[in-house]
Amino acid sequence: MKLVSIYNHMETGASKVPEKNNCKIVFRHSIRGNIASGIGKQVSLTDEGIELCQAFGRYLQYEIGFVASSTCLRNIQTCENILFGANSKRDIVLAPNELEGPQTKDAALSNKVFEDLKYNNQEIIYMLKNQGLPGFNSIKDSAAIMLDYIFANGNEENRVDLFCTHDFQVALLYAYLFDFASSRESIEKNKWPMMLEGMIFWGKRKHFWCSWRNEIRDFSEDL
């Protein structure tokens, strides 16, 4: 699949998708305005963020199939503008449990952890990876919720399915599938998921491939 992206590794990963396969991209929303505190559900994309989304859509080789998004405005706008750039009309399915809160077991407890740690997402991912936190699903269970969802939807040949989420949720997959955050050194040496950056998947739930930052891994065990 041909993909034009500001991230070279995404273009390389897309080129490895076998011809006529379905392809799935799980990615962070585009460039947004500043968030004063918390998650800022109504924060919009910047003008630059909108232009990047439209360019992303214009250069997709595959027709867009299934589109899902977090309920945050910036994610919905990301999907809308990718679709606009691709001249494609698709419903945007909101998936708060799978693309916004797969990590949440008890919202009150997990929200308190976020607040107590001042929304230090890197530290939270590190602690989840190594010891667990009150109110949170494990890294494995959080990733399984996301993987179950993306492979249960779309799946038409020669189409790309889009799943627009957040940095924290991309980092959950990064930690589970690519061993990110096993140590604090790992977090320091590897860039945090960036805006409009994503993982590329193909295959089936029980046997899939994932491309992320110039590494392709083959997953055939029960994940």
N, C-alpha and C. Protein backbone atom coordinates (compact mmCIF):
# COMPACT_ATOMS: atom_id res chain seq x y z
N MET A 1 0.84 -1.19 0.00
CA MET A 1 0.00 0.00 0.00
C MET A 1 0.87 1.24 0.00
N LYS A 2 0.55 2.21 -0.81
CA LYS A 2 1.28 3.46 -0.83
C LYS A 2 0.68 4.41 0.18
N LEU A 3 1.53 5.02 0.98
CA LEU A 3 1.11 5.98 1.99
C LEU A 3 2.12 7.11 2.01
N VAL A 4 1.64 8.33 2.02
CA VAL A 4 2.52 9.49 2.18
C VAL A 4 2.30 10.03 3.58
N SER A 5 3.37 10.10 4.35
CA SER A 5 3.27 10.51 5.74
C SER A 5 4.46 11.37 6.11
N ILE A 6 4.31 12.17 7.15
CA ILE A 6 5.45 12.92 7.66
C ILE A 6 6.43 11.99 8.35
N TYR A 7 6.02 10.73 8.59
CA TYR A 7 6.89 9.74 9.22
C TYR A 7 7.31 8.70 8.18
N ASN A 8 8.59 8.69 7.88
CA ASN A 8 9.10 7.77 6.87
C ASN A 8 8.80 6.32 7.23
N HIS A 9 8.84 5.98 8.52
CA HIS A 9 8.63 4.59 8.90
C HIS A 9 7.22 4.12 8.57
N MET A 10 6.24 5.04 8.55
CA MET A 10 4.88 4.65 8.19
C MET A 10 4.79 4.36 6.70
N GLU A 11 5.48 5.15 5.89
CA GLU A 11 5.51 4.88 4.45
C GLU A 11 6.16 3.53 4.17
N THR A 12 7.26 3.26 4.88
CA THR A 12 7.96 1.98 4.70
C THR A 12 7.07 0.82 5.14
N GLY A 13 6.43 0.97 6.29
CA GLY A 13 5.56 -0.10 6.79
C GLY A 13 4.40 -0.37 5.86
N ALA A 14 3.79 0.69 5.36
CA ALA A 14 2.65 0.51 4.44
C ALA A 14 3.07 -0.23 3.18
N SER A 15 4.30 0.01 2.72
CA SER A 15 4.78 -0.63 1.49
C SER A 15 4.95 -2.14 1.66
N LYS A 16 4.99 -2.62 2.90
CA LYS A 16 5.16 -4.05 3.17
C LYS A 16 3.84 -4.81 3.21
N VAL A 17 2.72 -4.09 3.19
CA VAL A 17 1.42 -4.77 3.22
C VAL A 17 1.22 -5.51 1.91
N PRO A 18 0.97 -6.81 1.96
CA PRO A 18 0.80 -7.57 0.71
C PRO A 18 -0.36 -7.05 -0.13
N GLU A 19 -0.21 -7.16 -1.42
CA GLU A 19 -1.23 -6.69 -2.36
C GLU A 19 -2.58 -7.35 -2.07
N LYS A 20 -3.62 -6.55 -2.15
CA LYS A 20 -5.02 -6.96 -1.97
C LYS A 20 -5.39 -7.27 -0.51
N ASN A 21 -4.45 -7.14 0.41
CA ASN A 21 -4.79 -7.36 1.81
C ASN A 21 -5.54 -6.16 2.38
N ASN A 22 -6.29 -6.41 3.44
CA ASN A 22 -6.81 -5.32 4.25
C ASN A 22 -5.67 -4.78 5.11
N CYS A 23 -5.68 -3.49 5.32
CA CYS A 23 -4.66 -2.84 6.14
C CYS A 23 -5.37 -2.01 7.21
N LYS A 24 -4.79 -1.97 8.40
CA LYS A 24 -5.36 -1.19 9.50
C LYS A 24 -4.29 -0.26 10.05
N ILE A 25 -4.68 0.98 10.30
CA ILE A 25 -3.75 1.93 10.90
C ILE A 25 -4.36 2.42 12.22
N VAL A 26 -3.61 2.22 13.30
CA VAL A 26 -4.00 2.72 14.62
C VAL A 26 -3.07 3.89 14.92
N PHE A 27 -3.62 5.08 15.05
CA PHE A 27 -2.77 6.26 15.08
C PHE A 27 -3.29 7.33 16.04
N ARG A 28 -2.36 8.16 16.45
CA ARG A 28 -2.69 9.32 17.28
C ARG A 28 -3.30 10.41 16.40
N HIS A 29 -4.18 11.20 16.99
CA HIS A 29 -4.78 12.33 16.28
C HIS A 29 -3.71 13.30 15.77
N SER A 30 -4.11 14.23 14.93
CA SER A 30 -3.19 15.21 14.36
C SER A 30 -2.90 16.34 15.36
N ILE A 31 -2.18 17.34 14.88
CA ILE A 31 -1.71 18.43 15.76
C ILE A 31 -2.89 19.22 16.31
N ARG A 32 -2.92 19.36 17.61
CA ARG A 32 -4.02 20.04 18.32
C ARG A 32 -3.53 21.30 19.00
N GLY A 33 -4.51 22.05 19.51
CA GLY A 33 -4.18 23.20 20.35
C GLY A 33 -3.73 22.74 21.72
N ASN A 34 -3.34 23.68 22.56
CA ASN A 34 -2.85 23.37 23.89
C ASN A 34 -3.97 22.88 24.80
N ILE A 35 -3.61 21.96 25.70
CA ILE A 35 -4.54 21.48 26.72
C ILE A 35 -4.07 22.03 28.06
N ALA A 36 -4.95 22.79 28.72
CA ALA A 36 -4.57 23.42 29.99
C ALA A 36 -4.39 22.37 31.08
N SER A 37 -5.31 21.41 31.14
CA SER A 37 -5.22 20.33 32.14
C SER A 37 -6.13 19.20 31.71
N GLY A 38 -5.89 18.01 32.27
CA GLY A 38 -6.74 16.86 31.96
C GLY A 38 -6.59 16.41 30.53
N ILE A 39 -7.71 15.94 29.95
CA ILE A 39 -7.65 15.41 28.58
C ILE A 39 -8.16 16.38 27.53
N GLY A 40 -8.86 17.45 27.95
CA GLY A 40 -9.27 18.48 27.00
C GLY A 40 -10.11 17.95 25.87
N LYS A 41 -11.26 17.36 26.19
CA LYS A 41 -12.05 16.67 25.16
C LYS A 41 -12.48 17.57 24.01
N GLN A 42 -12.63 18.86 24.26
CA GLN A 42 -13.12 19.76 23.21
C GLN A 42 -12.01 20.58 22.54
N VAL A 43 -10.76 20.23 22.78
CA VAL A 43 -9.66 20.93 22.12
C VAL A 43 -9.63 20.56 20.63
N SER A 44 -9.52 21.56 19.77
CA SER A 44 -9.58 21.36 18.32
C SER A 44 -8.19 21.16 17.72
N LEU A 45 -8.18 20.68 16.49
CA LEU A 45 -6.95 20.64 15.71
C LEU A 45 -6.53 22.06 15.32
N THR A 46 -5.24 22.26 15.16
CA THR A 46 -4.75 23.52 14.59
C THR A 46 -4.95 23.50 13.07
N ASP A 47 -4.73 24.64 12.44
CA ASP A 47 -4.83 24.69 10.98
C ASP A 47 -3.81 23.75 10.34
N GLU A 48 -2.61 23.71 10.93
CA GLU A 48 -1.57 22.79 10.40
C GLU A 48 -2.02 21.34 10.56
N GLY A 49 -2.64 21.04 11.68
CA GLY A 49 -3.13 19.69 11.91
C GLY A 49 -4.18 19.27 10.89
N ILE A 50 -5.04 20.19 10.53
CA ILE A 50 -6.08 19.91 9.53
C ILE A 50 -5.44 19.66 8.17
N GLU A 51 -4.48 20.50 7.78
CA GLU A 51 -3.82 20.34 6.48
C GLU A 51 -3.10 19.00 6.39
N LEU A 52 -2.45 18.59 7.47
CA LEU A 52 -1.74 17.31 7.47
C LEU A 52 -2.71 16.15 7.30
N CYS A 53 -3.87 16.23 7.94
CA CYS A 53 -4.87 15.16 7.78
C CYS A 53 -5.36 15.08 6.34
N GLN A 54 -5.63 16.22 5.75
CA GLN A 54 -6.14 16.21 4.38
C GLN A 54 -5.09 15.66 3.41
N ALA A 55 -3.84 16.01 3.63
CA ALA A 55 -2.76 15.47 2.79
C ALA A 55 -2.64 13.95 2.98
N PHE A 56 -2.76 13.50 4.22
CA PHE A 56 -2.72 12.07 4.52
C PHE A 56 -3.79 11.33 3.72
N GLY A 57 -5.00 11.88 3.70
CA GLY A 57 -6.10 11.25 2.97
C GLY A 57 -5.90 11.29 1.47
N ARG A 58 -5.35 12.38 0.95
CA ARG A 58 -5.17 12.53 -0.50
C ARG A 58 -4.28 11.45 -1.09
N TYR A 59 -3.28 11.02 -0.32
CA TYR A 59 -2.27 10.13 -0.88
C TYR A 59 -2.43 8.67 -0.44
N LEU A 60 -3.59 8.34 0.12
CA LEU A 60 -3.85 6.93 0.42
C LEU A 60 -4.12 6.17 -0.87
N GLN A 61 -3.44 5.06 -1.04
CA GLN A 61 -3.65 4.25 -2.25
C GLN A 61 -4.93 3.44 -2.15
N TYR A 62 -5.20 2.93 -0.96
CA TYR A 62 -6.41 2.12 -0.76
C TYR A 62 -7.63 3.00 -0.53
N GLU A 63 -8.78 2.46 -0.88
CA GLU A 63 -10.03 3.09 -0.49
C GLU A 63 -10.20 2.92 1.02
N ILE A 64 -10.74 3.94 1.67
CA ILE A 64 -10.95 3.86 3.11
C ILE A 64 -12.17 2.99 3.40
N GLY A 65 -12.02 2.08 4.35
CA GLY A 65 -13.11 1.20 4.75
C GLY A 65 -13.74 1.67 6.05
N PHE A 66 -13.45 0.97 7.14
CA PHE A 66 -14.02 1.28 8.45
C PHE A 66 -13.23 2.41 9.09
N VAL A 67 -13.95 3.33 9.75
CA VAL A 67 -13.31 4.46 10.43
C VAL A 67 -13.86 4.55 11.85
N ALA A 68 -12.97 4.53 12.83
CA ALA A 68 -13.38 4.63 14.23
C ALA A 68 -12.53 5.67 14.94
N SER A 69 -13.11 6.26 15.97
CA SER A 69 -12.44 7.37 16.65
C SER A 69 -12.77 7.39 18.13
N SER A 70 -11.84 7.94 18.90
CA SER A 70 -12.14 8.39 20.26
C SER A 70 -13.25 9.45 20.18
N THR A 71 -13.89 9.71 21.29
CA THR A 71 -14.98 10.72 21.29
C THR A 71 -14.45 12.14 21.40
N CYS A 72 -13.15 12.33 21.56
CA CYS A 72 -12.59 13.68 21.67
C CYS A 72 -12.68 14.41 20.33
N LEU A 73 -12.94 15.70 20.40
CA LEU A 73 -13.15 16.49 19.19
C LEU A 73 -11.97 16.40 18.24
N ARG A 74 -10.74 16.46 18.75
CA ARG A 74 -9.57 16.46 17.87
C ARG A 74 -9.44 15.15 17.09
N ASN A 75 -9.89 14.05 17.68
CA ASN A 75 -9.86 12.77 16.98
C ASN A 75 -10.91 12.72 15.88
N ILE A 76 -12.10 13.18 16.21
CA ILE A 76 -13.17 13.20 15.20
C ILE A 76 -12.77 14.11 14.04
N GLN A 77 -12.20 15.27 14.35
CA GLN A 77 -11.74 16.17 13.29
C GLN A 77 -10.64 15.55 12.44
N THR A 78 -9.77 14.77 13.09
CA THR A 78 -8.71 14.08 12.34
C THR A 78 -9.33 13.15 11.30
N CYS A 79 -10.30 12.36 11.73
CA CYS A 79 -10.96 11.43 10.80
C CYS A 79 -11.71 12.17 9.71
N GLU A 80 -12.44 13.21 10.10
CA GLU A 80 -13.20 13.98 9.11
C GLU A 80 -12.29 14.55 8.03
N ASN A 81 -11.15 15.05 8.41
CA ASN A 81 -10.27 15.69 7.43
C ASN A 81 -9.48 14.69 6.60
N ILE A 82 -9.18 13.53 7.15
CA ILE A 82 -8.60 12.47 6.32
C ILE A 82 -9.61 12.04 5.26
N LEU A 83 -10.84 11.86 5.67
CA LEU A 83 -11.90 11.49 4.72
C LEU A 83 -12.08 12.57 3.66
N PHE A 84 -12.05 13.83 4.07
CA PHE A 84 -12.18 14.94 3.12
C PHE A 84 -11.05 14.91 2.10
N GLY A 85 -9.81 14.71 2.59
CA GLY A 85 -8.67 14.66 1.68
C GLY A 85 -8.75 13.51 0.71
N ALA A 86 -9.34 12.40 1.16
CA ALA A 86 -9.47 11.22 0.31
C ALA A 86 -10.72 11.26 -0.56
N ASN A 87 -11.52 12.32 -0.42
CA ASN A 87 -12.80 12.43 -1.13
C ASN A 87 -13.65 11.19 -0.88
N SER A 88 -13.71 10.81 0.39
CA SER A 88 -14.42 9.59 0.78
C SER A 88 -15.49 9.92 1.80
N LYS A 89 -16.62 9.26 1.69
CA LYS A 89 -17.72 9.47 2.64
C LYS A 89 -17.91 8.19 3.44
N ARG A 90 -17.56 8.23 4.70
CA ARG A 90 -17.71 7.09 5.61
C ARG A 90 -18.23 7.60 6.94
N ASP A 91 -19.05 6.79 7.58
CA ASP A 91 -19.45 7.11 8.93
C ASP A 91 -18.25 6.96 9.85
N ILE A 92 -18.18 7.82 10.85
CA ILE A 92 -17.12 7.71 11.87
C ILE A 92 -17.76 7.09 13.11
N VAL A 93 -17.29 5.90 13.45
CA VAL A 93 -17.83 5.17 14.59
C VAL A 93 -17.07 5.60 15.85
N LEU A 94 -17.79 6.03 16.86
CA LEU A 94 -17.15 6.43 18.11
C LEU A 94 -16.94 5.20 18.99
N ALA A 95 -15.73 5.07 19.49
CA ALA A 95 -15.36 3.87 20.26
C ALA A 95 -14.66 4.29 21.56
N PRO A 96 -15.43 4.83 22.51
CA PRO A 96 -14.80 5.31 23.76
C PRO A 96 -14.13 4.22 24.57
N ASN A 97 -14.70 3.04 24.60
CA ASN A 97 -14.12 1.96 25.41
C ASN A 97 -12.82 1.44 24.80
N GLU A 98 -12.78 1.34 23.48
CA GLU A 98 -11.65 0.70 22.80
C GLU A 98 -10.54 1.67 22.41
N LEU A 99 -10.87 2.92 22.09
CA LEU A 99 -9.88 3.86 21.59
C LEU A 99 -9.60 5.02 22.55
N GLU A 100 -10.33 5.03 23.66
CA GLU A 100 -10.17 6.11 24.63
C GLU A 100 -9.88 5.57 26.03
N GLY A 101 -10.53 4.46 26.37
CA GLY A 101 -10.38 3.96 27.73
C GLY A 101 -10.15 2.48 27.88
N PRO A 102 -9.38 1.84 26.99
CA PRO A 102 -9.16 0.39 27.16
C PRO A 102 -8.40 0.07 28.44
N GLN A 103 -7.71 1.07 28.97
CA GLN A 103 -6.92 0.88 30.19
C GLN A 103 -7.75 0.96 31.46
N THR A 104 -9.02 1.38 31.34
CA THR A 104 -9.80 1.70 32.52
C THR A 104 -10.58 0.50 33.05
N LYS A 105 -10.31 0.16 34.31
CA LYS A 105 -11.11 -0.84 35.02
C LYS A 105 -12.07 -0.16 35.97
N ASP A 106 -11.59 0.83 36.69
CA ASP A 106 -12.40 1.63 37.61
C ASP A 106 -12.05 3.09 37.35
N ALA A 107 -12.99 3.83 36.76
CA ALA A 107 -12.70 5.19 36.32
C ALA A 107 -12.31 6.11 37.48
N ALA A 108 -12.97 5.98 38.61
CA ALA A 108 -12.66 6.86 39.73
C ALA A 108 -11.22 6.65 40.21
N LEU A 109 -10.83 5.38 40.34
CA LEU A 109 -9.48 5.07 40.81
C LEU A 109 -8.42 5.47 39.78
N SER A 110 -8.66 5.15 38.51
CA SER A 110 -7.65 5.46 37.49
C SER A 110 -7.54 6.98 37.28
N ASN A 111 -8.65 7.69 37.35
CA ASN A 111 -8.59 9.15 37.22
C ASN A 111 -7.77 9.77 38.35
N LYS A 112 -7.91 9.20 39.55
CA LYS A 112 -7.14 9.70 40.69
C LYS A 112 -5.64 9.48 40.46
N VAL A 113 -5.28 8.33 39.87
CA VAL A 113 -3.87 8.08 39.57
C VAL A 113 -3.34 9.11 38.57
N PHE A 114 -4.12 9.37 37.51
CA PHE A 114 -3.71 10.37 36.54
C PHE A 114 -3.48 11.72 37.22
N GLU A 115 -4.42 12.09 38.08
CA GLU A 115 -4.31 13.38 38.77
C GLU A 115 -3.13 13.40 39.73
N ASP A 116 -2.97 12.33 40.51
CA ASP A 116 -1.87 12.29 41.48
C ASP A 116 -0.51 12.34 40.80
N LEU A 117 -0.40 11.71 39.63
CA LEU A 117 0.86 11.71 38.89
C LEU A 117 0.95 12.85 37.87
N LYS A 118 -0.01 13.77 37.98
CA LYS A 118 -0.02 14.99 37.15
C LYS A 118 0.02 14.66 35.65
N TYR A 119 -0.73 13.64 35.28
CA TYR A 119 -0.86 13.22 33.88
C TYR A 119 0.50 12.95 33.24
N ASN A 120 1.41 12.40 34.03
CA ASN A 120 2.72 11.98 33.51
C ASN A 120 2.54 10.61 32.85
N ASN A 121 2.14 10.64 31.59
CA ASN A 121 1.79 9.40 30.90
C ASN A 121 2.95 8.41 30.79
N GLN A 122 4.15 8.93 30.62
CA GLN A 122 5.31 8.04 30.53
C GLN A 122 5.49 7.23 31.82
N GLU A 123 5.36 7.91 32.95
CA GLU A 123 5.51 7.22 34.23
C GLU A 123 4.38 6.22 34.46
N ILE A 124 3.17 6.59 34.04
CA ILE A 124 2.03 5.69 34.22
C ILE A 124 2.21 4.43 33.37
N ILE A 125 2.64 4.59 32.12
CA ILE A 125 2.89 3.42 31.27
C ILE A 125 3.98 2.54 31.88
N TYR A 126 5.04 3.17 32.38
CA TYR A 126 6.12 2.41 33.01
C TYR A 126 5.59 1.61 34.20
N MET A 127 4.78 2.23 35.03
CA MET A 127 4.26 1.55 36.22
C MET A 127 3.28 0.44 35.84
N LEU A 128 2.47 0.69 34.81
CA LEU A 128 1.55 -0.36 34.33
C LEU A 128 2.33 -1.56 33.80
N LYS A 129 3.40 -1.27 33.08
CA LYS A 129 4.19 -2.34 32.47
C LYS A 129 4.89 -3.19 33.54
N ASN A 130 5.27 -2.58 34.64
CA ASN A 130 6.13 -3.26 35.59
C ASN A 130 5.47 -3.67 36.90
N GLN A 131 4.37 -3.03 37.28
CA GLN A 131 3.78 -3.38 38.57
C GLN A 131 2.27 -3.28 38.62
N GLY A 132 1.65 -2.58 37.67
CA GLY A 132 0.21 -2.38 37.71
C GLY A 132 -0.15 -1.18 38.56
N LEU A 133 -1.37 -0.69 38.36
CA LEU A 133 -1.86 0.48 39.10
C LEU A 133 -3.33 0.29 39.45
N PRO A 134 -3.78 0.83 40.59
CA PRO A 134 -5.19 0.69 40.97
C PRO A 134 -6.12 1.35 39.96
N GLY A 135 -7.19 0.63 39.61
CA GLY A 135 -8.18 1.16 38.68
C GLY A 135 -7.87 0.93 37.22
N PHE A 136 -6.70 0.34 36.92
CA PHE A 136 -6.27 0.13 35.54
C PHE A 136 -6.31 -1.36 35.17
N ASN A 137 -6.68 -1.63 33.92
CA ASN A 137 -6.43 -2.95 33.35
C ASN A 137 -4.93 -3.12 33.15
N SER A 138 -4.49 -4.35 33.06
CA SER A 138 -3.09 -4.61 32.76
C SER A 138 -2.77 -4.16 31.34
N ILE A 139 -1.48 -4.01 31.05
CA ILE A 139 -1.05 -3.70 29.69
C ILE A 139 -1.60 -4.75 28.71
N LYS A 140 -1.50 -6.02 29.08
CA LYS A 140 -1.96 -7.10 28.21
C LYS A 140 -3.46 -6.98 27.96
N ASP A 141 -4.24 -6.78 29.00
CA ASP A 141 -5.70 -6.71 28.84
C ASP A 141 -6.11 -5.46 28.07
N SER A 142 -5.41 -4.35 28.32
CA SER A 142 -5.72 -3.12 27.59
C SER A 142 -5.45 -3.29 26.10
N ALA A 143 -4.30 -3.86 25.78
CA ALA A 143 -3.95 -4.09 24.37
C ALA A 143 -4.92 -5.06 23.72
N ALA A 144 -5.34 -6.10 24.46
CA ALA A 144 -6.29 -7.08 23.90
C ALA A 144 -7.62 -6.43 23.54
N ILE A 145 -8.07 -5.49 24.36
CA ILE A 145 -9.33 -4.78 24.06
C ILE A 145 -9.19 -4.04 22.74
N MET A 146 -8.06 -3.38 22.53
CA MET A 146 -7.86 -2.64 21.29
C MET A 146 -7.71 -3.58 20.10
N LEU A 147 -6.90 -4.63 20.26
CA LEU A 147 -6.68 -5.56 19.16
C LEU A 147 -7.96 -6.30 18.78
N ASP A 148 -8.73 -6.72 19.77
CA ASP A 148 -10.00 -7.39 19.48
C ASP A 148 -10.89 -6.48 18.63
N TYR A 149 -10.91 -5.21 18.98
CA TYR A 149 -11.78 -4.27 18.28
C TYR A 149 -11.33 -4.02 16.85
N ILE A 150 -10.04 -3.76 16.67
CA ILE A 150 -9.62 -3.41 15.31
C ILE A 150 -9.74 -4.58 14.35
N PHE A 151 -9.56 -5.81 14.85
CA PHE A 151 -9.68 -6.96 13.96
C PHE A 151 -11.11 -7.46 13.82
N ALA A 152 -12.02 -6.95 14.63
CA ALA A 152 -13.44 -7.31 14.51
C ALA A 152 -14.18 -6.41 13.53
N ASN A 153 -13.54 -5.34 13.07
CA ASN A 153 -14.22 -4.36 12.23
C ASN A 153 -13.46 -4.11 10.93
N GLY A 154 -14.25 -3.81 9.88
CA GLY A 154 -13.65 -3.56 8.57
C GLY A 154 -13.31 -4.86 7.88
N ASN A 155 -12.04 -5.04 7.60
CA ASN A 155 -11.50 -6.30 7.07
C ASN A 155 -11.76 -6.56 5.60
N GLU A 156 -12.29 -5.59 4.86
CA GLU A 156 -12.49 -5.80 3.43
C GLU A 156 -11.16 -5.71 2.69
N GLU A 157 -10.98 -6.57 1.70
CA GLU A 157 -9.76 -6.55 0.90
C GLU A 157 -9.60 -5.21 0.19
N ASN A 158 -8.34 -4.82 -0.01
CA ASN A 158 -8.01 -3.60 -0.73
C ASN A 158 -8.56 -2.34 -0.07
N ARG A 159 -8.78 -2.38 1.22
CA ARG A 159 -9.23 -1.20 1.94
C ARG A 159 -8.37 -1.00 3.19
N VAL A 160 -8.30 0.26 3.60
CA VAL A 160 -7.57 0.59 4.81
C VAL A 160 -8.58 1.03 5.87
N ASP A 161 -8.51 0.42 7.03
CA ASP A 161 -9.37 0.76 8.15
C ASP A 161 -8.60 1.68 9.09
N LEU A 162 -9.24 2.74 9.55
CA LEU A 162 -8.58 3.77 10.35
C LEU A 162 -9.12 3.80 11.77
N PHE A 163 -8.22 3.84 12.74
CA PHE A 163 -8.59 3.86 14.15
C PHE A 163 -7.82 4.99 14.83
N CYS A 164 -8.52 6.09 15.11
CA CYS A 164 -7.87 7.29 15.62
C CYS A 164 -7.99 7.36 17.14
N THR A 165 -6.84 7.30 17.80
CA THR A 165 -6.81 7.23 19.25
C THR A 165 -5.88 8.32 19.79
N HIS A 166 -5.24 8.05 20.93
CA HIS A 166 -4.40 9.04 21.61
C HIS A 166 -3.01 8.47 21.87
N ASP A 167 -2.11 9.34 22.28
CA ASP A 167 -0.74 8.90 22.55
C ASP A 167 -0.69 7.80 23.61
N PHE A 168 -1.49 7.93 24.66
CA PHE A 168 -1.46 6.95 25.75
C PHE A 168 -1.85 5.57 25.25
N GLN A 169 -2.87 5.50 24.40
CA GLN A 169 -3.33 4.20 23.91
C GLN A 169 -2.37 3.61 22.88
N VAL A 170 -1.76 4.44 22.04
CA VAL A 170 -0.71 3.94 21.15
C VAL A 170 0.45 3.40 21.99
N ALA A 171 0.77 4.11 23.08
CA ALA A 171 1.85 3.66 23.97
C ALA A 171 1.52 2.33 24.64
N LEU A 172 0.24 2.08 24.94
CA LEU A 172 -0.15 0.78 25.48
C LEU A 172 0.21 -0.35 24.51
N LEU A 173 -0.12 -0.14 23.23
CA LEU A 173 0.23 -1.14 22.22
C LEU A 173 1.74 -1.24 22.05
N TYR A 174 2.41 -0.11 22.08
CA TYR A 174 3.87 -0.06 21.96
C TYR A 174 4.51 -0.87 23.09
N ALA A 175 3.99 -0.69 24.30
CA ALA A 175 4.54 -1.39 25.46
C ALA A 175 4.30 -2.90 25.38
N TYR A 176 3.14 -3.27 24.86
CA TYR A 176 2.81 -4.70 24.82
C TYR A 176 3.43 -5.42 23.63
N LEU A 177 3.36 -4.81 22.47
CA LEU A 177 3.82 -5.49 21.25
C LEU A 177 5.31 -5.32 20.98
N PHE A 178 5.89 -4.22 21.47
CA PHE A 178 7.28 -3.93 21.13
C PHE A 178 8.16 -3.70 22.37
N ASP A 179 7.69 -4.11 23.52
CA ASP A 179 8.52 -4.11 24.75
C ASP A 179 8.92 -2.72 25.23
N PHE A 180 8.22 -1.71 24.81
CA PHE A 180 8.48 -0.35 25.29
C PHE A 180 8.16 -0.25 26.78
N ALA A 181 8.93 0.56 27.49
CA ALA A 181 8.69 0.91 28.91
C ALA A 181 9.01 -0.21 29.89
N SER A 182 9.80 -1.18 29.47
CA SER A 182 10.26 -2.20 30.42
C SER A 182 11.17 -1.57 31.47
N SER A 183 11.81 -0.47 31.10
CA SER A 183 12.66 0.28 32.02
C SER A 183 12.47 1.76 31.74
N ARG A 184 12.87 2.58 32.68
CA ARG A 184 12.80 4.03 32.45
C ARG A 184 13.78 4.43 31.36
N GLU A 185 14.88 3.70 31.24
CA GLU A 185 15.84 3.96 30.17
C GLU A 185 15.20 3.76 28.80
N SER A 186 14.33 2.75 28.70
CA SER A 186 13.62 2.50 27.45
C SER A 186 12.76 3.70 27.07
N ILE A 187 12.11 4.30 28.05
CA ILE A 187 11.27 5.47 27.78
C ILE A 187 12.12 6.66 27.35
N GLU A 188 13.27 6.82 27.99
CA GLU A 188 14.14 7.94 27.66
C GLU A 188 14.76 7.81 26.27
N LYS A 189 15.04 6.58 25.86
CA LYS A 189 15.73 6.35 24.58
C LYS A 189 14.78 6.32 23.39
N ASN A 190 13.52 6.09 23.62
CA ASN A 190 12.55 5.96 22.53
C ASN A 190 11.54 7.09 22.58
N LYS A 191 11.26 7.65 21.43
CA LYS A 191 10.32 8.77 21.37
C LYS A 191 8.92 8.32 21.74
N TRP A 192 8.23 9.17 22.44
CA TRP A 192 6.83 8.96 22.76
C TRP A 192 6.01 9.06 21.47
N PRO A 193 4.88 8.32 21.34
CA PRO A 193 4.08 8.41 20.11
C PRO A 193 3.70 9.84 19.76
N MET A 194 3.95 10.21 18.52
CA MET A 194 3.76 11.59 18.08
C MET A 194 2.43 11.75 17.34
N MET A 195 2.07 13.01 17.11
CA MET A 195 0.77 13.30 16.50
C MET A 195 0.74 12.83 15.05
N LEU A 196 -0.33 12.15 14.70
CA LEU A 196 -0.58 11.56 13.38
C LEU A 196 0.41 10.43 13.07
N GLU A 197 1.01 9.89 14.09
CA GLU A 197 1.90 8.74 13.94
C GLU A 197 1.15 7.48 14.35
N GLY A 198 1.37 6.39 13.62
CA GLY A 198 0.61 5.20 13.96
C GLY A 198 1.29 3.89 13.58
N MET A 199 0.66 2.83 14.06
CA MET A 199 1.08 1.46 13.77
C MET A 199 0.25 0.93 12.61
N ILE A 200 0.89 0.11 11.78
CA ILE A 200 0.22 -0.47 10.62
C ILE A 200 0.09 -1.98 10.85
N PHE A 201 -1.13 -2.48 10.72
CA PHE A 201 -1.44 -3.89 10.95
C PHE A 201 -2.00 -4.53 9.69
N TRP A 202 -1.71 -5.82 9.50
CA TRP A 202 -2.41 -6.61 8.50
C TRP A 202 -2.44 -8.06 8.97
N GLY A 203 -3.37 -8.83 8.42
CA GLY A 203 -3.53 -10.21 8.84
C GLY A 203 -4.83 -10.41 9.59
N LYS A 204 -4.88 -11.42 10.44
CA LYS A 204 -6.07 -11.75 11.22
C LYS A 204 -5.74 -11.64 12.70
N ARG A 205 -6.78 -11.66 13.52
CA ARG A 205 -6.57 -11.49 14.96
C ARG A 205 -5.62 -12.55 15.53
N LYS A 206 -5.73 -13.78 15.07
CA LYS A 206 -4.89 -14.85 15.59
C LYS A 206 -3.51 -14.92 14.94
N HIS A 207 -3.34 -14.19 13.85
CA HIS A 207 -2.02 -14.15 13.19
C HIS A 207 -1.93 -12.86 12.40
N PHE A 208 -1.20 -11.90 12.95
CA PHE A 208 -1.11 -10.60 12.29
C PHE A 208 0.32 -10.10 12.32
N TRP A 209 0.55 -9.10 11.49
CA TRP A 209 1.83 -8.41 11.45
C TRP A 209 1.60 -6.95 11.86
N CYS A 210 2.58 -6.39 12.50
CA CYS A 210 2.51 -4.98 12.89
C CYS A 210 3.82 -4.29 12.56
N SER A 211 3.72 -3.15 11.90
CA SER A 211 4.89 -2.34 11.57
C SER A 211 4.87 -1.07 12.43
N TRP A 212 6.00 -0.82 13.08
CA TRP A 212 6.12 0.35 13.94
C TRP A 212 7.59 0.78 13.98
N ARG A 213 7.85 1.98 13.52
CA ARG A 213 9.19 2.56 13.59
C ARG A 213 10.28 1.64 13.02
N ASN A 214 10.01 1.23 11.79
CA ASN A 214 10.97 0.44 11.00
C ASN A 214 11.23 -0.96 11.56
N GLU A 215 10.32 -1.46 12.34
CA GLU A 215 10.38 -2.85 12.80
C GLU A 215 9.05 -3.51 12.50
N ILE A 216 9.09 -4.69 11.90
CA ILE A 216 7.89 -5.47 11.63
C ILE A 216 7.94 -6.73 12.47
N ARG A 217 6.88 -6.97 13.24
CA ARG A 217 6.82 -8.17 14.05
C ARG A 217 5.62 -9.03 13.63
N ASP A 218 5.85 -10.32 13.70
CA ASP A 218 4.86 -11.32 13.32
C ASP A 218 4.30 -11.92 14.62
N PHE A 219 2.98 -11.76 14.81
CA PHE A 219 2.35 -12.24 16.04
C PHE A 219 1.40 -13.39 15.71
N SER A 220 1.77 -14.57 16.11
CA SER A 220 0.95 -15.74 15.80
C SER A 220 0.50 -16.50 17.04
N GLU A 221 0.90 -16.03 18.22
CA GLU A 221 0.46 -16.68 19.44
C GLU A 221 -0.79 -16.00 19.94
N ASP A 222 -1.34 -16.50 21.04
CA ASP A 222 -2.56 -15.96 21.60
C ASP A 222 -2.23 -14.68 22.36
N LEU A 223 -2.54 -13.53 21.75
CA LEU A 223 -2.26 -12.25 22.38
C LEU A 223 -3.54 -11.65 22.94
